[in-house]
Amino acid sequence: MLTKDENNAEVYLDYHENTLFDIYAKEELTTFCIPSHITYHHTWRMYDKYSLKELKVHPANPAYEVFDGALYSKGLKTLLYIPRGKTTLCIPAATETIGFQAFANFCPETVTVQPENRAFWIEDGMLLGDDGKTLYLVTRDVRTLTVPASVSRIAASVRSVSFRDVKVAPGNRTFRAENGVLIGEGRLDLICSHVTQLEIPKDVHAVTWPDLYRLSQVTLAPDHPDFSAHNGAIYTKDGSQLLLVPTGITELTLSPQLQVLPKGFVWPAGLQRLTVHRETEFTGEALNQLPPECEIYVVLKSWNWALLPRDSAALGCCLQYLKTGDVQIKAGSEVFYTDVLLSGIDTDESFARNLQAASWQILQALVRQSDHLRIAMLLASGKLITSNNIGKLTDLARELSDGMVTALLENAPIAKKDIVP
């Protein structure tokens, strides 16, 4: 459905029957009017991509109503969504509840509540409700958060604010503050902006992991009952699930107990090397979410490893071998197969046959890459020396430097006359 806003900008509505799934506009939107037939939203986040300053609702819409540019249920009982371009909020007298995503990524300059409203009130820049038990929102001028004595729950919108410090008012039995960290009943609730290192206490059993992604170092209290640490990364207690890799880590060897390399994981931007054990399941999709400069290694035995290429075709080829042993050699995977050969791991017959068939292709690729070290090691080991390759090695030798030719002649387990013109 194509519609236009009040500034004549075209807006396309993706909807089915009464449900709105998304909106698309070629130009920036500052306002949007919800049509009369839309009574359900698939997600409120469809509006977040635009800097809307206000929403409007068609007068005939039976489900929604607008007050001060924010969206409410009909009759204003529930606050549903606040446009992200708004800088102020006034909660009407009739509002009794706050929708789940209403305050997501919203930190206003001012918040007011109509005097007749008995469900919410403002205290030192904080919006409180539920008889003072819930802290819903703070204004931008609140830099040091002091949690009132009555508060036992802090909304996600407050946890996303960068506070300079956090304190707890005397008499509060739910929270405690330690070195810029707010700790609730068995969970970390808030981390101030100046905190870069953190030790998770033993009595913390639940953590909102995204809040920790910016930290350079995260450790655990000794004998933590719920989490485990391996090379600076945090896992579940049995090590089977990866939970967090702090930003300060540049090289990481994952736990051998890790079952699956997670998709959609937030990796440190500065991660340069990741080593994965062969027992860990992983896909190209999971690996491609790593930083572009990160090298990926697979531990084939406890004493050796192989470098995985980031090229998607080669990576698929490598993964096929790692999981089944049945491979087809593809361009770009030569370094990986060279390392497999030199590592001395046991390979099945299919793998060995394919390597022999592609041996000249592998040697030629290494020459093109000027990878003299691997060439010398391969020829010295004799692993890719086949009857079909003997005659071709002369041409290979001519492409290498004189010093490298001499080294090959001294170490290759074939007669000099076979490779010298």
Protein backbone atom coordinates (compact mmCIF):
# COMPACT_ATOMS: atom_id res chain seq x y z
CA MET A 1 0.00 0.00 0.00
CA LEU A 2 1.37 3.39 -0.99
CA THR A 3 0.49 6.45 1.06
CA LYS A 4 1.89 9.94 1.63
CA ASP A 5 2.77 11.84 4.77
CA GLU A 6 1.79 15.45 5.44
CA ASN A 7 4.89 16.66 3.57
CA ASN A 8 3.81 14.65 0.51
CA ALA A 9 6.62 12.10 0.98
CA GLU A 10 5.74 8.66 -0.37
CA VAL A 11 5.57 5.85 2.21
CA TYR A 12 5.07 2.18 1.33
CA LEU A 13 3.26 0.03 3.89
CA ASP A 14 4.02 -3.68 4.11
CA TYR A 15 0.95 -5.16 5.79
CA HIS A 16 -1.45 -8.08 5.75
CA GLU A 17 -5.06 -7.52 6.73
CA ASN A 18 -4.82 -5.50 9.99
CA THR A 19 -1.12 -6.16 10.77
CA LEU A 20 1.63 -3.71 9.79
CA PHE A 21 4.99 -5.44 9.23
CA ASP A 22 7.15 -2.54 8.04
CA ILE A 23 7.20 0.87 6.39
CA TYR A 24 9.55 2.11 3.67
CA ALA A 25 10.24 5.66 2.57
CA LYS A 26 12.77 7.09 0.12
CA GLU A 27 13.08 10.25 2.16
CA GLU A 28 13.56 10.89 5.87
CA LEU A 29 10.27 10.89 7.78
CA THR A 30 9.51 13.22 10.66
CA THR A 31 5.88 12.17 11.07
CA PHE A 32 3.72 9.18 10.15
CA CYS A 33 -0.01 8.59 10.34
CA ILE A 34 -1.22 5.08 11.18
CA PRO A 35 -4.15 4.18 8.88
CA SER A 36 -7.58 3.31 10.20
CA HIS A 37 -7.38 -0.41 9.34
CA ILE A 38 -4.02 -1.09 11.11
CA THR A 39 -4.74 -2.41 14.60
CA TYR A 40 -1.61 -4.52 15.22
CA HIS A 41 2.15 -3.94 14.73
CA HIS A 42 4.56 -6.80 14.10
CA THR A 43 7.27 -4.75 15.85
CA TRP A 44 7.63 -1.17 16.96
CA ARG A 45 11.24 -1.11 15.79
CA MET A 46 10.10 -0.53 12.21
CA TYR A 47 9.85 3.13 13.19
CA ASP A 48 13.35 3.30 14.70
CA LYS A 49 15.05 3.69 11.30
CA TYR A 50 13.45 7.10 10.91
CA SER A 51 13.90 10.15 13.15
CA LEU A 52 10.19 10.52 13.71
CA LYS A 53 9.24 13.44 15.91
CA GLU A 54 5.63 12.38 16.22
CA LEU A 55 3.14 9.72 15.28
CA LYS A 56 -0.43 10.36 14.24
CA VAL A 57 -3.46 8.06 14.06
CA HIS A 58 -6.39 8.15 11.68
CA PRO A 59 -9.50 9.29 13.61
CA ALA A 60 -11.35 6.10 12.66
CA ASN A 61 -8.64 3.75 14.02
CA PRO A 62 -10.24 1.61 16.78
CA ALA A 63 -6.96 0.44 18.44
CA TYR A 64 -4.61 3.41 18.77
CA GLU A 65 -4.56 6.97 20.06
CA VAL A 66 -1.89 9.67 20.15
CA PHE A 67 -1.00 12.05 22.98
CA ASP A 68 1.79 14.60 22.65
CA GLY A 69 3.14 12.74 19.57
CA ALA A 70 3.53 9.38 21.38
CA LEU A 71 1.43 6.31 20.62
CA TYR A 72 -0.97 4.78 23.15
CA SER A 73 -3.69 2.18 23.16
CA LYS A 74 -7.19 3.51 22.61
CA GLY A 75 -8.18 5.46 25.72
CA LEU A 76 -4.49 6.18 26.59
CA LYS A 77 -4.30 3.37 29.15
CA THR A 78 -1.03 1.89 27.81
CA LEU A 79 1.97 3.76 26.41
CA LEU A 80 3.10 1.76 23.37
CA TYR A 81 5.80 3.68 21.47
CA ILE A 82 7.69 6.98 21.60
CA PRO A 83 9.19 8.31 18.33
CA ARG A 84 12.97 8.41 18.63
CA GLY A 85 13.11 12.00 17.38
CA LYS A 86 11.20 13.26 20.40
CA THR A 87 13.13 14.97 23.15
CA THR A 88 10.28 15.45 25.64
CA LEU A 89 7.53 13.25 27.05
CA CYS A 90 4.31 14.02 28.88
CA ILE A 91 2.40 11.06 30.32
CA PRO A 92 -1.37 11.68 30.43
CA ALA A 93 -3.59 11.15 33.45
CA ALA A 94 -5.24 7.99 32.06
CA THR A 95 -2.04 5.98 31.51
CA GLU A 96 -1.59 3.01 33.84
CA THR A 97 0.91 0.70 32.09
CA ILE A 98 4.05 0.93 29.94
CA GLY A 99 4.49 -1.28 26.87
CA PHE A 100 7.45 -3.65 26.65
CA GLN A 101 9.42 -1.65 24.03
CA ALA A 102 8.01 1.80 24.74
CA PHE A 103 11.22 3.27 26.19
CA ALA A 104 13.78 1.32 24.14
CA ASN A 105 16.70 3.61 23.15
CA PHE A 106 14.82 6.63 24.48
CA CYS A 107 16.49 9.12 26.83
CA PRO A 108 14.56 12.42 26.83
CA GLU A 109 15.57 15.86 27.96
CA THR A 110 12.44 16.20 30.11
CA VAL A 111 9.63 13.95 31.34
CA THR A 112 6.43 15.15 32.98
CA VAL A 113 3.36 13.41 34.33
CA GLN A 114 -0.07 15.00 34.47
CA PRO A 115 -1.02 15.70 38.11
CA GLU A 116 -4.13 13.48 37.95
CA ASN A 117 -2.06 10.40 37.11
CA ARG A 118 -1.70 8.12 40.16
CA ALA A 119 0.40 5.38 38.52
CA PHE A 120 3.61 7.31 37.75
CA TRP A 121 5.62 10.20 39.13
CA ILE A 122 8.94 12.00 38.65
CA GLU A 123 11.69 11.99 41.27
CA ASP A 124 15.08 13.64 40.60
CA GLY A 125 14.79 13.10 36.84
CA MET A 126 13.61 9.50 37.25
CA LEU A 127 10.24 8.11 36.13
CA LEU A 128 8.92 5.73 38.81
CA GLY A 129 5.88 3.49 38.86
CA ASP A 130 4.39 0.30 40.32
CA ASP A 131 4.18 1.92 43.76
CA GLY A 132 7.81 3.01 43.42
CA LYS A 133 9.10 -0.51 42.74
CA THR A 134 10.05 0.09 39.08
CA LEU A 135 12.48 2.66 37.68
CA TYR A 136 11.31 3.11 34.08
CA LEU A 137 13.25 6.03 32.66
CA VAL A 138 15.82 8.73 33.40
CA THR A 139 16.41 12.10 31.74
CA ARG A 140 19.64 13.04 29.98
CA ASP A 141 20.88 15.28 32.80
CA VAL A 142 21.09 12.36 35.25
CA ARG A 143 24.80 11.43 35.22
CA THR A 144 25.02 9.79 38.64
CA LEU A 145 22.18 7.35 39.26
CA THR A 146 21.01 6.96 42.83
CA VAL A 147 18.57 4.07 43.03
CA PRO A 148 15.73 4.97 45.42
CA ALA A 149 15.11 2.78 48.45
CA SER A 150 11.76 1.53 47.11
CA VAL A 151 13.03 0.34 43.69
CA SER A 152 13.38 -3.40 43.13
CA ARG A 153 13.29 -3.44 39.31
CA ILE A 154 15.17 -1.37 36.73
CA ALA A 155 13.90 -1.24 33.15
CA ALA A 156 16.17 -2.02 30.20
CA SER A 157 15.98 1.59 29.00
CA VAL A 158 17.80 2.71 32.16
CA ARG A 159 20.50 0.04 31.82
CA SER A 160 21.37 1.37 28.34
CA VAL A 161 22.27 4.85 29.65
CA SER A 162 25.96 5.70 30.18
CA PHE A 163 26.18 6.85 33.81
CA ARG A 164 29.32 8.22 35.38
CA ASP A 165 28.52 6.56 38.69
CA VAL A 166 25.80 4.59 40.42
CA LYS A 167 24.72 4.60 44.06
CA VAL A 168 22.02 2.96 46.13
CA ALA A 169 19.90 4.87 48.62
CA PRO A 170 19.96 3.64 52.24
CA GLY A 171 17.21 1.12 52.94
CA ASN A 172 17.21 -0.52 49.49
CA ARG A 173 17.36 -4.28 50.04
CA THR A 174 17.52 -5.33 46.37
CA PHE A 175 20.61 -3.61 44.96
CA ARG A 176 24.18 -2.86 45.91
CA ALA A 177 26.76 -0.72 44.10
CA GLU A 178 30.39 -1.80 43.74
CA ASN A 179 32.98 0.21 41.81
CA GLY A 180 30.55 1.56 39.24
CA VAL A 181 28.56 -1.65 38.89
CA LEU A 182 24.96 -2.09 40.08
CA ILE A 183 24.26 -5.62 41.32
CA GLY A 184 20.73 -6.82 41.91
CA GLU A 185 19.40 -10.10 43.26
CA GLY A 186 21.60 -12.61 41.45
CA ARG A 187 22.27 -10.43 38.41
CA LEU A 188 24.31 -7.55 37.01
CA ASP A 189 21.89 -4.72 36.31
CA LEU A 190 24.05 -1.80 35.23
CA ILE A 191 27.67 -0.99 34.38
CA CYS A 192 28.89 2.62 34.37
CA SER A 193 30.73 4.08 31.39
CA HIS A 194 34.14 4.32 33.12
CA VAL A 195 34.29 0.60 33.98
CA THR A 196 36.66 -1.34 31.67
CA GLN A 197 37.40 -4.41 33.78
CA LEU A 198 35.04 -6.52 35.84
CA GLU A 199 35.04 -9.58 38.04
CA ILE A 200 31.65 -11.33 38.10
CA PRO A 201 30.81 -12.12 41.76
CA LYS A 202 29.79 -15.62 42.83
CA ASP A 203 26.29 -14.50 43.74
CA VAL A 204 25.60 -13.22 40.19
CA HIS A 205 23.81 -15.95 38.25
CA ALA A 206 22.32 -13.91 35.37
CA VAL A 207 24.11 -11.42 33.17
CA THR A 208 22.90 -9.21 30.33
CA TRP A 209 25.88 -10.04 28.15
CA PRO A 210 25.55 -7.14 25.66
CA ASP A 211 26.31 -4.77 28.54
CA LEU A 212 29.75 -6.39 28.87
CA TYR A 213 30.85 -6.33 25.22
CA ARG A 214 32.73 -3.03 25.58
CA LEU A 215 34.82 -4.25 28.56
CA SER A 216 38.47 -5.07 27.91
CA GLN A 217 38.65 -7.77 30.57
CA VAL A 218 36.04 -9.89 32.37
CA THR A 219 37.01 -12.44 35.00
CA LEU A 220 35.13 -14.69 37.39
CA ALA A 221 35.21 -14.97 41.15
CA PRO A 222 37.00 -18.21 42.14
CA ASP A 223 34.81 -21.34 41.89
CA HIS A 224 31.94 -19.49 40.23
CA PRO A 225 28.91 -21.84 40.26
CA ASP A 226 27.37 -20.78 36.92
CA PHE A 227 30.12 -19.69 34.52
CA SER A 228 33.59 -20.82 33.47
CA ALA A 229 36.54 -19.00 31.92
CA HIS A 230 39.00 -20.20 29.28
CA ASN A 231 41.78 -17.97 27.88
CA GLY A 232 39.89 -14.84 28.93
CA ALA A 233 36.54 -15.78 27.37
CA ILE A 234 33.44 -16.61 29.42
CA TYR A 235 31.42 -19.81 28.92
CA THR A 236 28.64 -21.73 30.57
CA LYS A 237 29.86 -23.84 33.46
CA ASP A 238 30.47 -26.93 31.28
CA GLY A 239 32.19 -24.87 28.57
CA SER A 240 29.74 -25.98 25.89
CA GLN A 241 28.42 -22.46 25.09
CA LEU A 242 30.42 -19.31 24.45
CA LEU A 243 28.92 -16.28 26.21
CA LEU A 244 31.41 -13.43 25.99
CA VAL A 245 34.76 -12.46 24.48
CA PRO A 246 35.95 -9.14 26.03
CA THR A 247 37.22 -6.43 23.69
CA GLY A 248 40.75 -6.60 25.08
CA ILE A 249 41.38 -10.06 23.59
CA THR A 250 43.35 -10.11 20.30
CA GLU A 251 44.19 -13.83 20.13
CA LEU A 252 41.86 -16.53 21.41
CA THR A 253 41.92 -20.31 21.52
CA LEU A 254 38.40 -21.53 22.19
CA SER A 255 37.56 -24.14 24.78
CA PRO A 256 37.76 -27.77 23.56
CA GLN A 257 34.37 -28.29 25.22
CA LEU A 258 32.67 -25.69 23.00
CA GLN A 259 30.06 -27.58 20.99
CA VAL A 260 29.03 -24.99 18.39
CA LEU A 261 30.62 -21.73 17.25
CA PRO A 262 27.66 -19.35 17.69
CA LYS A 263 26.08 -17.36 14.87
CA GLY A 264 25.32 -13.70 15.45
CA PHE A 265 28.01 -13.49 18.13
CA VAL A 266 29.62 -10.12 18.94
CA TRP A 267 33.38 -10.57 18.44
CA PRO A 268 35.98 -7.98 19.48
CA ALA A 269 36.87 -5.71 16.56
CA GLY A 270 40.56 -6.16 17.38
CA LEU A 271 40.53 -9.98 17.33
CA GLN A 272 43.45 -11.06 15.11
CA ARG A 273 43.55 -14.82 15.56
CA LEU A 274 40.91 -17.38 16.52
CA THR A 275 41.76 -21.03 17.07
CA VAL A 276 38.90 -23.54 16.96
CA HIS A 277 39.10 -27.19 17.97
CA ARG A 278 38.08 -29.76 15.38
CA GLU A 279 35.38 -31.10 17.71
CA THR A 280 33.57 -27.74 17.63
CA GLU A 281 30.87 -27.48 14.98
CA PHE A 282 30.98 -24.33 12.89
CA THR A 283 29.71 -22.95 9.60
CA GLY A 284 30.93 -20.45 7.07
CA GLU A 285 28.23 -18.07 8.27
CA ALA A 286 29.57 -18.15 11.83
CA LEU A 287 33.17 -17.64 10.71
CA ASN A 288 32.31 -14.80 8.34
CA GLN A 289 31.01 -12.78 11.31
CA LEU A 290 34.57 -12.50 12.63
CA PRO A 291 36.55 -9.29 12.00
CA PRO A 292 37.90 -9.21 8.40
CA GLU A 293 41.55 -9.31 9.50
CA CYS A 294 41.09 -12.22 11.92
CA GLU A 295 42.95 -15.40 10.96
CA ILE A 296 41.10 -18.65 11.67
CA TYR A 297 42.89 -21.81 12.75
CA VAL A 298 41.59 -25.29 13.41
CA VAL A 299 43.32 -27.56 15.93
CA LEU A 300 43.58 -30.91 14.16
CA LYS A 301 45.53 -32.58 16.95
CA SER A 302 46.76 -31.25 20.23
CA TRP A 303 50.11 -30.38 18.64
CA ASN A 304 49.18 -29.03 15.22
CA TRP A 305 46.73 -26.79 13.40
CA ALA A 306 45.60 -25.68 9.94
CA LEU A 307 44.83 -22.20 8.67
CA LEU A 308 41.35 -21.80 7.19
CA PRO A 309 41.02 -19.50 4.16
CA ARG A 310 38.29 -16.86 4.34
CA ASP A 311 37.32 -17.38 0.69
CA SER A 312 33.83 -18.86 0.81
CA ALA A 313 34.43 -21.60 -1.79
CA ALA A 314 37.67 -22.71 -0.17
CA LEU A 315 36.13 -22.51 3.28
CA GLY A 316 33.28 -24.77 2.22
CA CYS A 317 35.82 -27.23 0.89
CA CYS A 318 37.77 -27.19 4.16
CA LEU A 319 34.67 -27.61 6.26
CA GLN A 320 33.59 -30.55 4.14
CA TYR A 321 36.86 -32.30 4.92
CA LEU A 322 36.81 -31.41 8.59
CA LYS A 323 33.36 -32.94 9.02
CA THR A 324 33.34 -35.89 6.61
CA GLY A 325 36.80 -36.41 5.14
CA ASP A 326 35.32 -36.44 1.61
CA VAL A 327 36.78 -33.48 -0.25
CA GLN A 328 37.14 -31.81 -3.60
CA ILE A 329 40.18 -29.55 -3.96
CA LYS A 330 39.20 -26.01 -4.95
CA ALA A 331 41.22 -22.95 -5.84
CA GLY A 332 42.16 -21.00 -2.75
CA SER A 333 42.43 -23.95 -0.40
CA GLU A 334 46.01 -24.97 -1.24
CA VAL A 335 47.56 -23.52 1.93
CA PHE A 336 45.03 -25.35 4.07
CA TYR A 337 45.73 -28.71 2.44
CA THR A 338 49.46 -28.15 2.63
CA ASP A 339 49.18 -27.63 6.36
CA VAL A 340 47.02 -30.75 6.66
CA LEU A 341 49.68 -32.77 4.85
CA LEU A 342 52.55 -31.39 6.90
CA SER A 343 50.71 -31.82 10.19
CA GLY A 344 50.84 -35.59 9.89
CA ILE A 345 47.21 -36.20 10.76
CA ASP A 346 45.52 -39.35 9.55
CA THR A 347 43.38 -38.85 6.44
CA ASP A 348 40.96 -41.24 4.79
CA GLU A 349 41.48 -42.80 1.36
CA SER A 350 39.19 -40.31 -0.41
CA PHE A 351 41.14 -37.38 0.98
CA ALA A 352 44.48 -38.94 -0.02
CA ARG A 353 43.27 -39.66 -3.57
CA ASN A 354 42.02 -36.13 -4.05
CA LEU A 355 45.29 -34.67 -2.79
CA GLN A 356 47.30 -36.77 -5.19
CA ALA A 357 45.05 -35.78 -8.10
CA ALA A 358 45.40 -32.10 -7.22
CA SER A 359 49.05 -32.18 -6.15
CA TRP A 360 50.34 -30.25 -9.15
CA GLN A 361 47.57 -27.67 -8.76
CA ILE A 362 48.59 -27.19 -5.14
CA LEU A 363 52.30 -26.79 -5.96
CA GLN A 364 51.58 -24.32 -8.75
CA ALA A 365 49.35 -22.26 -6.45
CA LEU A 366 52.08 -22.11 -3.81
CA VAL A 367 54.54 -20.91 -6.45
CA ARG A 368 52.15 -18.14 -7.48
CA GLN A 369 51.91 -17.11 -3.84
CA SER A 370 55.72 -17.23 -3.46
CA ASP A 371 55.18 -19.52 -0.47
CA HIS A 372 58.69 -20.98 -0.66
CA LEU A 373 58.68 -22.34 2.87
CA ARG A 374 55.69 -24.58 2.28
CA ILE A 375 57.04 -25.65 -1.11
CA ALA A 376 60.36 -26.69 0.41
CA MET A 377 58.66 -28.57 3.22
CA LEU A 378 56.35 -30.40 0.82
CA LEU A 379 59.13 -31.44 -1.55
CA ALA A 380 61.37 -32.46 1.33
CA SER A 381 58.62 -34.62 2.75
CA GLY A 382 57.89 -36.18 -0.65
CA LYS A 383 54.17 -36.08 0.07
CA LEU A 384 53.21 -34.53 -3.29
CA ILE A 385 55.87 -36.21 -5.42
CA THR A 386 54.02 -38.40 -7.91
CA SER A 387 55.06 -39.99 -11.20
CA ASN A 388 52.98 -37.44 -13.05
CA ASN A 389 54.78 -34.56 -11.30
CA ILE A 390 58.40 -35.59 -11.83
CA GLY A 391 58.67 -34.10 -15.29
CA LYS A 392 56.86 -30.92 -14.27
CA LEU A 393 59.16 -30.18 -11.35
CA THR A 394 61.78 -28.81 -13.73
CA ASP A 395 59.46 -25.97 -14.68
CA LEU A 396 58.66 -25.44 -11.03
CA ALA A 397 62.34 -25.19 -10.12
CA ARG A 398 62.92 -22.54 -12.79
CA GLU A 399 60.31 -20.29 -11.16
CA LEU A 400 62.03 -20.35 -7.80
CA SER A 401 65.09 -18.44 -6.71
CA ASP A 402 68.50 -20.07 -7.07
CA GLY A 403 68.85 -20.39 -3.33
CA MET A 404 65.51 -22.11 -3.04
CA VAL A 405 66.39 -24.53 -5.88
CA THR A 406 69.59 -25.47 -4.08
CA ALA A 407 67.67 -26.12 -0.86
CA LEU A 408 65.14 -28.27 -2.70
CA LEU A 409 67.84 -30.31 -4.43
CA GLU A 410 69.52 -31.02 -1.13
CA ASN A 411 66.34 -32.09 0.64
CA ALA A 412 63.86 -33.47 -1.91
CA PRO A 413 63.83 -37.32 -1.76
CA ILE A 414 64.18 -37.65 -5.57
CA ALA A 415 67.21 -37.86 -7.85
CA LYS A 416 68.78 -34.57 -8.90
CA LYS A 417 68.75 -35.68 -12.51
CA ASP A 418 64.97 -35.81 -12.40
CA ILE A 419 64.52 -32.10 -11.75
CA VAL A 420 67.62 -30.51 -13.32
CA PRO A 421 67.55 -29.76 -17.06
